[in-house]
Amino acid sequence: MTAVEFFDVHGLLMLRNQILDELENKRTVKVMFNLNVVYYLVKMRFPEIFRNNKNINFEPELRNVEIQRNDTYSKLIEIQEFNVTNDD
């Protein structure tokens, strides 16, 4: 996984399912990440899925990475109109 520099939602779900399948088969799993994706994975709360599982090792250890979260629940988000001219 060190060559991966971007995850979309489908890739994130595929990775989650693959890791869970390996863990269900009583295997120890080690996943090494490129530093470019660590922040995104932590922001998406990916490591929380495996919080109590001792059979998975992340490198770097995602469960120890902390990010500052902003409380946006009480703030409005501006909506802007946009046009799509090409769907590629």
PDB file of N, CA and C in Angstrom:
ATOM      1  N   MET A   1       0.816  -1.199   0.000  1.00  0.00           N
ATOM      2  CA  MET A   1       0.000   0.000   0.000  1.00  0.00           C
ATOM      3  C   MET A   1       0.858   1.261   0.000  1.00  0.00           C
ATOM      4  N   THR A   2       2.156   1.123   0.069  1.00  0.00           N
ATOM      5  CA  THR A   2       2.992   2.319   0.138  1.00  0.00           C
ATOM      6  C   THR A   2       2.994   3.102  -1.165  1.00  0.00           C
ATOM      7  N   ALA A   3       2.619   2.476  -2.265  1.00  0.00           N
ATOM      8  CA  ALA A   3       2.568   3.190  -3.539  1.00  0.00           C
ATOM      9  C   ALA A   3       1.244   3.931  -3.726  1.00  0.00           C
ATOM     10  N   VAL A   4       0.232   3.616  -2.929  1.00  0.00           N
ATOM     11  CA  VAL A   4      -1.082   4.250  -3.051  1.00  0.00           C
ATOM     12  C   VAL A   4      -1.017   5.649  -2.449  1.00  0.00           C
ATOM     13  N   GLU A   5      -1.441   6.641  -3.230  1.00  0.00           N
ATOM     14  CA  GLU A   5      -1.425   8.020  -2.758  1.00  0.00           C
ATOM     15  C   GLU A   5      -2.819   8.612  -2.639  1.00  0.00           C
ATOM     16  N   PHE A   6      -3.836   7.828  -2.962  1.00  0.00           N
ATOM     17  CA  PHE A   6      -5.204   8.336  -2.909  1.00  0.00           C
ATOM     18  C   PHE A   6      -6.167   7.172  -2.707  1.00  0.00           C
ATOM     19  N   PHE A   7      -7.188   7.357  -1.876  1.00  0.00           N
ATOM     20  CA  PHE A   7      -8.268   6.390  -1.703  1.00  0.00           C
ATOM     21  C   PHE A   7      -9.579   7.069  -2.043  1.00  0.00           C
ATOM     22  N   ASP A   8     -10.409   6.411  -2.833  1.00  0.00           N
ATOM     23  CA  ASP A   8     -11.783   6.884  -2.954  1.00  0.00           C
ATOM     24  C   ASP A   8     -12.624   6.019  -2.019  1.00  0.00           C
ATOM     25  N   VAL A   9     -13.895   6.304  -1.939  1.00  0.00           N
ATOM     26  CA  VAL A   9     -14.774   5.586  -1.005  1.00  0.00           C
ATOM     27  C   VAL A   9     -14.796   4.093  -1.305  1.00  0.00           C
ATOM     28  N   HIS A  10     -14.834   3.731  -2.572  1.00  0.00           N
ATOM     29  CA  HIS A  10     -14.887   2.318  -2.938  1.00  0.00           C
ATOM     30  C   HIS A  10     -13.596   1.597  -2.544  1.00  0.00           C
ATOM     31  N   GLY A  11     -12.479   2.254  -2.759  1.00  0.00           N
ATOM     32  CA  GLY A  11     -11.195   1.667  -2.375  1.00  0.00           C
ATOM     33  C   GLY A  11     -11.084   1.500  -0.875  1.00  0.00           C
ATOM     34  N   LEU A  12     -11.613   2.461  -0.127  1.00  0.00           N
ATOM     35  CA  LEU A  12     -11.599   2.398   1.325  1.00  0.00           C
ATOM     36  C   LEU A  12     -12.435   1.225   1.829  1.00  0.00           C
ATOM     37  N   LEU A  13     -13.598   1.036   1.231  1.00  0.00           N
ATOM     38  CA  LEU A  13     -14.454  -0.092   1.611  1.00  0.00           C
ATOM     39  C   LEU A  13     -13.829  -1.431   1.222  1.00  0.00           C
ATOM     40  N   MET A  14     -13.195  -1.475   0.059  1.00  0.00           N
ATOM     41  CA  MET A  14     -12.537  -2.693  -0.381  1.00  0.00           C
ATOM     42  C   MET A  14     -11.384  -3.061   0.573  1.00  0.00           C
ATOM     43  N   LEU A  15     -10.608  -2.062   0.958  1.00  0.00           N
ATOM     44  CA  LEU A  15      -9.513  -2.300   1.899  1.00  0.00           C
ATOM     45  C   LEU A  15     -10.047  -2.788   3.241  1.00  0.00           C
ATOM     46  N   ARG A  16     -11.093  -2.147   3.737  1.00  0.00           N
ATOM     47  CA  ARG A  16     -11.717  -2.553   5.005  1.00  0.00           C
ATOM     48  C   ARG A  16     -12.171  -4.000   4.938  1.00  0.00           C
ATOM     49  N   ASN A  17     -12.878  -4.362   3.858  1.00  0.00           N
ATOM     50  CA  ASN A  17     -13.391  -5.726   3.727  1.00  0.00           C
ATOM     51  C   ASN A  17     -12.272  -6.748   3.613  1.00  0.00           C
ATOM     52  N   GLN A  18     -11.225  -6.417   2.884  1.00  0.00           N
ATOM     53  CA  GLN A  18     -10.096  -7.334   2.739  1.00  0.00           C
ATOM     54  C   GLN A  18      -9.415  -7.578   4.084  1.00  0.00           C
ATOM     55  N   ILE A  19      -9.206  -6.509   4.833  1.00  0.00           N
ATOM     56  CA  ILE A  19      -8.575  -6.652   6.152  1.00  0.00           C
ATOM     57  C   ILE A  19      -9.460  -7.465   7.080  1.00  0.00           C
ATOM     58  N   LEU A  20     -10.762  -7.179   7.102  1.00  0.00           N
ATOM     59  CA  LEU A  20     -11.675  -7.931   7.970  1.00  0.00           C
ATOM     60  C   LEU A  20     -11.723  -9.408   7.584  1.00  0.00           C
ATOM     61  N   ASP A  21     -11.688  -9.713   6.286  1.00  0.00           N
ATOM     62  CA  ASP A  21     -11.655 -11.114   5.839  1.00  0.00           C
ATOM     63  C   ASP A  21     -10.412 -11.819   6.355  1.00  0.00           C
ATOM     64  N   GLU A  22      -9.271 -11.162   6.260  1.00  0.00           N
ATOM     65  CA  GLU A  22      -8.023 -11.756   6.735  1.00  0.00           C
ATOM     66  C   GLU A  22      -8.063 -11.969   8.247  1.00  0.00           C
ATOM     67  N   LEU A  23      -8.606 -11.011   8.969  1.00  0.00           N
ATOM     68  CA  LEU A  23      -8.690 -11.133  10.426  1.00  0.00           C
ATOM     69  C   LEU A  23      -9.650 -12.247  10.842  1.00  0.00           C
ATOM     70  N   GLU A  24     -10.743 -12.417  10.102  1.00  0.00           N
ATOM     71  CA  GLU A  24     -11.688 -13.494  10.405  1.00  0.00           C
ATOM     72  C   GLU A  24     -11.061 -14.864  10.201  1.00  0.00           C
ATOM     73  N   ASN A  25     -10.081 -14.946   9.302  1.00  0.00           N
ATOM     74  CA  ASN A  25      -9.373 -16.205   9.061  1.00  0.00           C
ATOM     75  C   ASN A  25      -8.200 -16.388  10.015  1.00  0.00           C
ATOM     76  N   LYS A  26      -8.210 -15.618  11.100  1.00  0.00           N
ATOM     77  CA  LYS A  26      -7.207 -15.730  12.171  1.00  0.00           C
ATOM     78  C   LYS A  26      -5.797 -15.411  11.699  1.00  0.00           C
ATOM     79  N   ARG A  27      -5.684 -14.528  10.728  1.00  0.00           N
ATOM     80  CA  ARG A  27      -4.370 -14.120  10.242  1.00  0.00           C
ATOM     81  C   ARG A  27      -3.962 -12.804  10.889  1.00  0.00           C
ATOM     82  N   THR A  28      -2.681 -12.613  11.048  1.00  0.00           N
ATOM     83  CA  THR A  28      -2.155 -11.324  11.478  1.00  0.00           C
ATOM     84  C   THR A  28      -1.922 -10.489  10.223  1.00  0.00           C
ATOM     85  N   VAL A  29      -2.361  -9.236  10.259  1.00  0.00           N
ATOM     86  CA  VAL A  29      -2.314  -8.372   9.090  1.00  0.00           C
ATOM     87  C   VAL A  29      -1.421  -7.174   9.378  1.00  0.00           C
ATOM     88  N   LYS A  30      -0.537  -6.872   8.434  1.00  0.00           N
ATOM     89  CA  LYS A  30       0.278  -5.663   8.511  1.00  0.00           C
ATOM     90  C   LYS A  30       0.041  -4.865   7.239  1.00  0.00           C
ATOM     91  N   VAL A  31      -0.342  -3.606   7.419  1.00  0.00           N
ATOM     92  CA  VAL A  31      -0.616  -2.744   6.279  1.00  0.00           C
ATOM     93  C   VAL A  31       0.285  -1.518   6.389  1.00  0.00           C
ATOM     94  N   MET A  32       1.068  -1.286   5.350  1.00  0.00           N
ATOM     95  CA  MET A  32       1.978  -0.145   5.321  1.00  0.00           C
ATOM     96  C   MET A  32       1.398   0.912   4.379  1.00  0.00           C
ATOM     97  N   PHE A  33       1.260   2.135   4.887  1.00  0.00           N
ATOM     98  CA  PHE A  33       0.646   3.210   4.120  1.00  0.00           C
ATOM     99  C   PHE A  33       1.654   4.271   3.716  1.00  0.00           C
ATOM    100  N   ASN A  34       1.413   4.866   2.562  1.00  0.00           N
ATOM    101  CA  ASN A  34       2.122   6.051   2.120  1.00  0.00           C
ATOM    102  C   ASN A  34       1.684   7.200   3.039  1.00  0.00           C
ATOM    103  N   LEU A  35       2.594   8.049   3.425  1.00  0.00           N
ATOM    104  CA  LEU A  35       2.242   9.156   4.318  1.00  0.00           C
ATOM    105  C   LEU A  35       1.204  10.099   3.730  1.00  0.00           C
ATOM    106  N   ASN A  36       1.060  10.116   2.402  1.00  0.00           N
ATOM    107  CA  ASN A  36       0.072  10.993   1.764  1.00  0.00           C
ATOM    108  C   ASN A  36      -1.363  10.591   2.070  1.00  0.00           C
ATOM    109  N   VAL A  37      -1.617   9.351   2.459  1.00  0.00           N
ATOM    110  CA  VAL A  37      -2.991   8.915   2.724  1.00  0.00           C
ATOM    111  C   VAL A  37      -3.305   8.796   4.209  1.00  0.00           C
ATOM    112  N   VAL A  38      -2.309   8.910   5.061  1.00  0.00           N
ATOM    113  CA  VAL A  38      -2.520   8.720   6.500  1.00  0.00           C
ATOM    114  C   VAL A  38      -3.540   9.713   7.045  1.00  0.00           C
ATOM    115  N   TYR A  39      -3.392  10.983   6.734  1.00  0.00           N
ATOM    116  CA  TYR A  39      -4.308  12.006   7.250  1.00  0.00           C
ATOM    117  C   TYR A  39      -5.744  11.714   6.820  1.00  0.00           C
ATOM    118  N   TYR A  40      -5.925  11.355   5.558  1.00  0.00           N
ATOM    119  CA  TYR A  40      -7.268  11.059   5.054  1.00  0.00           C
ATOM    120  C   TYR A  40      -7.886   9.867   5.778  1.00  0.00           C
ATOM    121  N   LEU A  41      -7.110   8.806   5.963  1.00  0.00           N
ATOM    122  CA  LEU A  41      -7.635   7.617   6.644  1.00  0.00           C
ATOM    123  C   LEU A  41      -8.039   7.931   8.078  1.00  0.00           C
ATOM    124  N   VAL A  42      -7.233   8.730   8.761  1.00  0.00           N
ATOM    125  CA  VAL A  42      -7.567   9.111  10.137  1.00  0.00           C
ATOM    126  C   VAL A  42      -8.792  10.011  10.145  1.00  0.00           C
ATOM    127  N   LYS A  43      -8.848  10.948   9.211  1.00  0.00           N
ATOM    128  CA  LYS A  43     -10.000  11.860   9.129  1.00  0.00           C
ATOM    129  C   LYS A  43     -11.291  11.088   8.878  1.00  0.00           C
ATOM    130  N   MET A  44     -11.219  10.032   8.072  1.00  0.00           N
ATOM    131  CA  MET A  44     -12.389   9.217   7.774  1.00  0.00           C
ATOM    132  C   MET A  44     -12.678   8.173   8.871  1.00  0.00           C
ATOM    133  N   ARG A  45     -11.897   8.225   9.954  1.00  0.00           N
ATOM    134  CA  ARG A  45     -12.059   7.336  11.116  1.00  0.00           C
ATOM    135  C   ARG A  45     -11.839   5.859  10.761  1.00  0.00           C
ATOM    136  N   PHE A  46     -11.039   5.619   9.750  1.00  0.00           N
ATOM    137  CA  PHE A  46     -10.746   4.254   9.322  1.00  0.00           C
ATOM    138  C   PHE A  46     -10.132   3.397  10.427  1.00  0.00           C
ATOM    139  N   PRO A  47      -9.176   3.916  11.213  1.00  0.00           N
ATOM    140  CA  PRO A  47      -8.556   3.068  12.240  1.00  0.00           C
ATOM    141  C   PRO A  47      -9.511   2.651  13.353  1.00  0.00           C
ATOM    142  N   GLU A  48     -10.609   3.382  13.536  1.00  0.00           N
ATOM    143  CA  GLU A  48     -11.545   3.045  14.614  1.00  0.00           C
ATOM    144  C   GLU A  48     -12.211   1.692  14.405  1.00  0.00           C
ATOM    145  N   ILE A  49     -12.285   1.245  13.165  1.00  0.00           N
ATOM    146  CA  ILE A  49     -12.858  -0.066  12.863  1.00  0.00           C
ATOM    147  C   ILE A  49     -12.046  -1.162  13.548  1.00  0.00           C
ATOM    148  N   PHE A  50     -10.743  -0.934  13.687  1.00  0.00           N
ATOM    149  CA  PHE A  50      -9.824  -1.956  14.190  1.00  0.00           C
ATOM    150  C   PHE A  50      -9.253  -1.598  15.562  1.00  0.00           C
ATOM    151  N   ARG A  51      -9.900  -0.701  16.262  1.00  0.00           N
ATOM    152  CA  ARG A  51      -9.377  -0.165  17.524  1.00  0.00           C
ATOM    153  C   ARG A  51      -8.956  -1.244  18.520  1.00  0.00           C
ATOM    154  N   ASN A  52      -9.750  -2.255  18.715  1.00  0.00           N
ATOM    155  CA  ASN A  52      -9.465  -3.262  19.740  1.00  0.00           C
ATOM    156  C   ASN A  52      -8.855  -4.541  19.184  1.00  0.00           C
ATOM    157  N   ASN A  53      -8.442  -4.523  17.947  1.00  0.00           N
ATOM    158  CA  ASN A  53      -7.911  -5.733  17.333  1.00  0.00           C
ATOM    159  C   ASN A  53      -6.386  -5.723  17.404  1.00  0.00           C
ATOM    160  N   LYS A  54      -5.837  -6.712  18.070  1.00  0.00           N
ATOM    161  CA  LYS A  54      -4.385  -6.807  18.256  1.00  0.00           C
ATOM    162  C   LYS A  54      -3.690  -7.512  17.095  1.00  0.00           C
ATOM    163  N   ASN A  55      -4.466  -8.067  16.154  1.00  0.00           N
ATOM    164  CA  ASN A  55      -3.882  -8.822  15.043  1.00  0.00           C
ATOM    165  C   ASN A  55      -3.659  -7.983  13.790  1.00  0.00           C
ATOM    166  N   ILE A  56      -3.826  -6.683  13.914  1.00  0.00           N
ATOM    167  CA  ILE A  56      -3.539  -5.816  12.775  1.00  0.00           C
ATOM    168  C   ILE A  56      -2.507  -4.773  13.178  1.00  0.00           C
ATOM    169  N   ASN A  57      -1.545  -4.583  12.297  1.00  0.00           N
ATOM    170  CA  ASN A  57      -0.508  -3.585  12.519  1.00  0.00           C
ATOM    171  C   ASN A  57      -0.498  -2.625  11.340  1.00  0.00           C
ATOM    172  N   PHE A  58      -0.637  -1.354  11.656  1.00  0.00           N
ATOM    173  CA  PHE A  58      -0.536  -0.316  10.636  1.00  0.00           C
ATOM    174  C   PHE A  58       0.850   0.322  10.733  1.00  0.00           C
ATOM    175  N   GLU A  59       1.391   0.669   9.585  1.00  0.00           N
ATOM    176  CA  GLU A  59       2.657   1.395   9.586  1.00  0.00           C
ATOM    177  C   GLU A  59       2.530   2.574   8.634  1.00  0.00           C
ATOM    178  N   PRO A  60       2.520   3.803   9.130  1.00  0.00           N
ATOM    179  CA  PRO A  60       2.626   4.183  10.530  1.00  0.00           C
ATOM    180  C   PRO A  60       1.361   3.792  11.289  1.00  0.00           C
ATOM    181  N   GLU A  61       1.452   3.740  12.598  1.00  0.00           N
ATOM    182  CA  GLU A  61       0.328   3.296  13.436  1.00  0.00           C
ATOM    183  C   GLU A  61      -0.776   4.357  13.430  1.00  0.00           C
ATOM    184  N   LEU A  62      -1.813   4.095  12.645  1.00  0.00           N
ATOM    185  CA  LEU A  62      -2.909   5.054  12.465  1.00  0.00           C
ATOM    186  C   LEU A  62      -3.677   5.318  13.750  1.00  0.00           C
ATOM    187  N   ARG A  63      -3.733   4.331  14.619  1.00  0.00           N
ATOM    188  CA  ARG A  63      -4.530   4.491  15.842  1.00  0.00           C
ATOM    189  C   ARG A  63      -3.887   5.464  16.822  1.00  0.00           C
ATOM    190  N   ASN A  64      -2.641   5.859  16.570  1.00  0.00           N
ATOM    191  CA  ASN A  64      -1.965   6.829  17.435  1.00  0.00           C
ATOM    192  C   ASN A  64      -1.902   8.225  16.822  1.00  0.00           C
ATOM    193  N   VAL A  65      -2.404   8.367  15.600  1.00  0.00           N
ATOM    194  CA  VAL A  65      -2.383   9.669  14.930  1.00  0.00           C
ATOM    195  C   VAL A  65      -3.621  10.443  15.354  1.00  0.00           C
ATOM    196  N   GLU A  66      -3.418  11.674  15.788  1.00  0.00           N
ATOM    197  CA  GLU A  66      -4.534  12.522  16.173  1.00  0.00           C
ATOM    198  C   GLU A  66      -4.585  13.725  15.256  1.00  0.00           C
ATOM    199  N   ILE A  67      -5.784  14.118  14.904  1.00  0.00           N
ATOM    200  CA  ILE A  67      -5.964  15.321  14.093  1.00  0.00           C
ATOM    201  C   ILE A  67      -6.938  16.238  14.811  1.00  0.00           C
ATOM    202  N   GLN A  68      -6.815  17.509  14.547  1.00  0.00           N
ATOM    203  CA  GLN A  68      -7.737  18.465  15.132  1.00  0.00           C
ATOM    204  C   GLN A  68      -9.033  18.443  14.339  1.00  0.00           C
ATOM    205  N   ARG A  69     -10.118  18.317  15.031  1.00  0.00           N
ATOM    206  CA  ARG A  69     -11.422  18.319  14.371  1.00  0.00           C
ATOM    207  C   ARG A  69     -12.153  19.609  14.723  1.00  0.00           C
ATOM    208  N   ASN A  70     -12.766  20.190  13.730  1.00  0.00           N
ATOM    209  CA  ASN A  70     -13.540  21.412  13.940  1.00  0.00           C
ATOM    210  C   ASN A  70     -15.008  21.057  14.091  1.00  0.00           C
ATOM    211  N   ASP A  71     -15.645  21.698  15.063  1.00  0.00           N
ATOM    212  CA  ASP A  71     -17.071  21.489  15.264  1.00  0.00           C
ATOM    213  C   ASP A  71     -17.823  22.304  14.221  1.00  0.00           C
ATOM    214  N   THR A  72     -18.343  21.628  13.211  1.00  0.00           N
ATOM    215  CA  THR A  72     -19.064  22.331  12.141  1.00  0.00           C
ATOM    216  C   THR A  72     -20.570  22.094  12.211  1.00  0.00           C
ATOM    217  N   TYR A  73     -21.017  21.412  13.248  1.00  0.00           N
ATOM    218  CA  TYR A  73     -22.447  21.108  13.336  1.00  0.00           C
ATOM    219  C   TYR A  73     -23.298  22.361  13.526  1.00  0.00           C
ATOM    220  N   SER A  74     -22.749  23.373  14.169  1.00  0.00           N
ATOM    221  CA  SER A  74     -23.533  24.576  14.427  1.00  0.00           C
ATOM    222  C   SER A  74     -23.284  25.670  13.388  1.00  0.00           C
ATOM    223  N   LYS A  75     -22.563  25.342  12.312  1.00  0.00           N
ATOM    224  CA  LYS A  75     -22.245  26.334  11.294  1.00  0.00           C
ATOM    225  C   LYS A  75     -22.928  25.977   9.984  1.00  0.00           C
ATOM    226  N   LEU A  76     -23.322  27.007   9.265  1.00  0.00           N
ATOM    227  CA  LEU A  76     -23.930  26.809   7.955  1.00  0.00           C
ATOM    228  C   LEU A  76     -22.844  26.664   6.903  1.00  0.00           C
ATOM    229  N   ILE A  77     -23.109  25.858   5.920  1.00  0.00           N
ATOM    230  CA  ILE A  77     -22.188  25.692   4.806  1.00  0.00           C
ATOM    231  C   ILE A  77     -22.814  26.349   3.590  1.00  0.00           C
ATOM    232  N   GLU A  78     -22.051  27.215   2.959  1.00  0.00           N
ATOM    233  CA  GLU A  78     -22.555  27.934   1.792  1.00  0.00           C
ATOM    234  C   GLU A  78     -22.716  26.965   0.622  1.00  0.00           C
ATOM    235  N   ILE A  79     -23.846  27.038  -0.033  1.00  0.00           N
ATOM    236  CA  ILE A  79     -24.111  26.206  -1.204  1.00  0.00           C
ATOM    237  C   ILE A  79     -23.937  27.071  -2.440  1.00  0.00           C
ATOM    238  N   GLN A  80     -23.164  26.565  -3.393  1.00  0.00           N
ATOM    239  CA  GLN A  80     -22.923  27.305  -4.621  1.00  0.00           C
ATOM    240  C   GLN A  80     -23.398  26.483  -5.800  1.00  0.00           C
ATOM    241  N   GLU A  81     -23.965  27.174  -6.785  1.00  0.00           N
ATOM    242  CA  GLU A  81     -24.397  26.511  -8.002  1.00  0.00           C
ATOM    243  C   GLU A  81     -23.191  26.307  -8.915  1.00  0.00           C
ATOM    244  N   PHE A  82     -23.170  25.183  -9.600  1.00  0.00           N
ATOM    245  CA  PHE A  82     -22.118  24.940 -10.579  1.00  0.00           C
ATOM    246  C   PHE A  82     -22.700  24.148 -11.729  1.00  0.00           C
ATOM    247  N   ASN A  83     -22.061  24.240 -12.887  1.00  0.00           N
ATOM    248  CA  ASN A  83     -22.501  23.522 -14.082  1.00  0.00           C
ATOM    249  C   ASN A  83     -21.441  22.515 -14.468  1.00  0.00           C
ATOM    250  N   VAL A  84     -21.892  21.344 -14.865  1.00  0.00           N
ATOM    251  CA  VAL A  84     -20.996  20.304 -15.340  1.00  0.00           C
ATOM    252  C   VAL A  84     -21.049  20.312 -16.860  1.00  0.00           C
ATOM    253  N   THR A  85     -19.906  20.538 -17.490  1.00  0.00           N
ATOM    254  CA  THR A  85     -19.872  20.565 -18.957  1.00  0.00           C
ATOM    255  C   THR A  85     -19.261  19.295 -19.531  1.00  0.00           C
ATOM    256  N   ASN A  86     -18.630  18.501 -18.658  1.00  0.00           N
ATOM    257  CA  ASN A  86     -18.000  17.256 -19.110  1.00  0.00           C
ATOM    258  C   ASN A  86     -18.014  16.282 -17.937  1.00  0.00           C
ATOM    259  N   ASP A  87     -18.456  15.072 -18.144  1.00  0.00           N
ATOM    260  CA  ASP A  87     -18.541  14.109 -17.051  1.00  0.00           C
ATOM    261  C   ASP A  87     -17.359  13.147 -17.003  1.00  0.00           C
ATOM    262  N   ASP A  88     -16.260  13.469 -17.670  1.00  0.00           N
ATOM    263  CA  ASP A  88     -15.057  12.619 -17.649  1.00  0.00           C
ATOM    264  C   ASP A  88     -14.329  12.728 -16.351  1.00  0.00           C
TER     265      ASP A  88
END
